[in-house]
């Protein structure tokens, strides 16, 4: 499960860095997308059980 989270966060980081680069909003968008992804992974994990 931790590998899945790490993989998702790396993809989100690459996506944000590619599109926004060193923009001031890149960190905010990265934090928001990471939180959203972790929330969805958590929902899916507990829905399967």
C-alpha atoms as a PDB file:
ATOM      1  CA  UNK A   1       0.000   0.000   0.000  1.00  0.00           C
ATOM      2  CA  UNK A   2       2.828   2.376   0.827  1.00  0.00           C
ATOM      3  CA  UNK A   3       4.377   1.752  -2.581  1.00  0.00           C
ATOM      4  CA  UNK A   4       1.089   2.719  -4.234  1.00  0.00           C
ATOM      5  CA  UNK A   5       0.952   5.965  -2.252  1.00  0.00           C
ATOM      6  CA  UNK A   6       4.587   6.748  -3.078  1.00  0.00           C
ATOM      7  CA  UNK A   7       3.973   6.044  -6.774  1.00  0.00           C
ATOM      8  CA  UNK A   8       0.882   8.277  -6.896  1.00  0.00           C
ATOM      9  CA  UNK A   9       2.665  11.138  -5.113  1.00  0.00           C
ATOM     10  CA  UNK A  10       5.605  10.912  -7.527  1.00  0.00           C
ATOM     11  CA  UNK A  11       3.270  11.055 -10.520  1.00  0.00           C
ATOM     12  CA  UNK A  12       1.452  14.064  -9.059  1.00  0.00           C
ATOM     13  CA  UNK A  13       4.764  15.802  -8.369  1.00  0.00           C
ATOM     14  CA  UNK A  14       5.987  15.199 -11.935  1.00  0.00           C
ATOM     15  CA  UNK A  15       2.679  16.441 -13.354  1.00  0.00           C
ATOM     16  CA  UNK A  16       2.661  19.635 -11.282  1.00  0.00           C
ATOM     17  CA  UNK A  17       6.349  20.336 -11.903  1.00  0.00           C
ATOM     18  CA  UNK A  18       5.924  19.840 -15.654  1.00  0.00           C
ATOM     19  CA  UNK A  19       2.980  22.220 -15.967  1.00  0.00           C
ATOM     20  CA  UNK A  20       3.730  24.854 -13.334  1.00  0.00           C
ATOM     21  CA  UNK A  21       7.481  24.582 -12.803  1.00  0.00           C
ATOM     22  CA  UNK A  22       8.633  27.060 -10.161  1.00  0.00           C
ATOM     23  CA  UNK A  23       5.354  28.942  -9.995  1.00  0.00           C
ATOM     24  CA  UNK A  24       4.178  30.100  -6.604  1.00  0.00           C
ATOM     25  CA  UNK A  25       1.060  27.974  -6.893  1.00  0.00           C
ATOM     26  CA  UNK A  26       2.885  24.711  -7.688  1.00  0.00           C
ATOM     27  CA  UNK A  27       3.323  23.764  -4.039  1.00  0.00           C
ATOM     28  CA  UNK A  28      -0.303  24.554  -3.240  1.00  0.00           C
ATOM     29  CA  UNK A  29      -1.556  22.486  -6.151  1.00  0.00           C
ATOM     30  CA  UNK A  30       0.787  19.626  -5.250  1.00  0.00           C
ATOM     31  CA  UNK A  31      -0.455  19.626  -1.646  1.00  0.00           C
ATOM     32  CA  UNK A  32      -4.100  19.699  -2.727  1.00  0.00           C
ATOM     33  CA  UNK A  33      -3.738  16.926  -5.303  1.00  0.00           C
ATOM     34  CA  UNK A  34      -1.731  14.758  -2.895  1.00  0.00           C
ATOM     35  CA  UNK A  35      -4.360  15.147  -0.179  1.00  0.00           C
ATOM     36  CA  UNK A  36      -7.112  14.345  -2.660  1.00  0.00           C
ATOM     37  CA  UNK A  37      -5.270  11.246  -3.901  1.00  0.00           C
ATOM     38  CA  UNK A  38      -4.631   9.993  -0.363  1.00  0.00           C
ATOM     39  CA  UNK A  39      -8.292  10.529   0.493  1.00  0.00           C
ATOM     40  CA  UNK A  40      -9.431   8.577  -2.557  1.00  0.00           C
ATOM     41  CA  UNK A  41      -6.971   5.753  -1.887  1.00  0.00           C
ATOM     42  CA  UNK A  42      -8.260   5.562   1.683  1.00  0.00           C
ATOM     43  CA  UNK A  43     -11.880   5.449   0.491  1.00  0.00           C
ATOM     44  CA  UNK A  44     -11.109   2.700  -2.019  1.00  0.00           C
ATOM     45  CA  UNK A  45      -9.105   0.714   0.534  1.00  0.00           C
ATOM     46  CA  UNK A  46     -11.905   0.657   3.097  1.00  0.00           C
ATOM     47  CA  UNK A  47     -14.598   0.071   0.477  1.00  0.00           C
ATOM     48  CA  UNK A  48     -12.884  -3.118  -0.691  1.00  0.00           C
ATOM     49  CA  UNK A  49     -12.688  -4.609   2.811  1.00  0.00           C
END
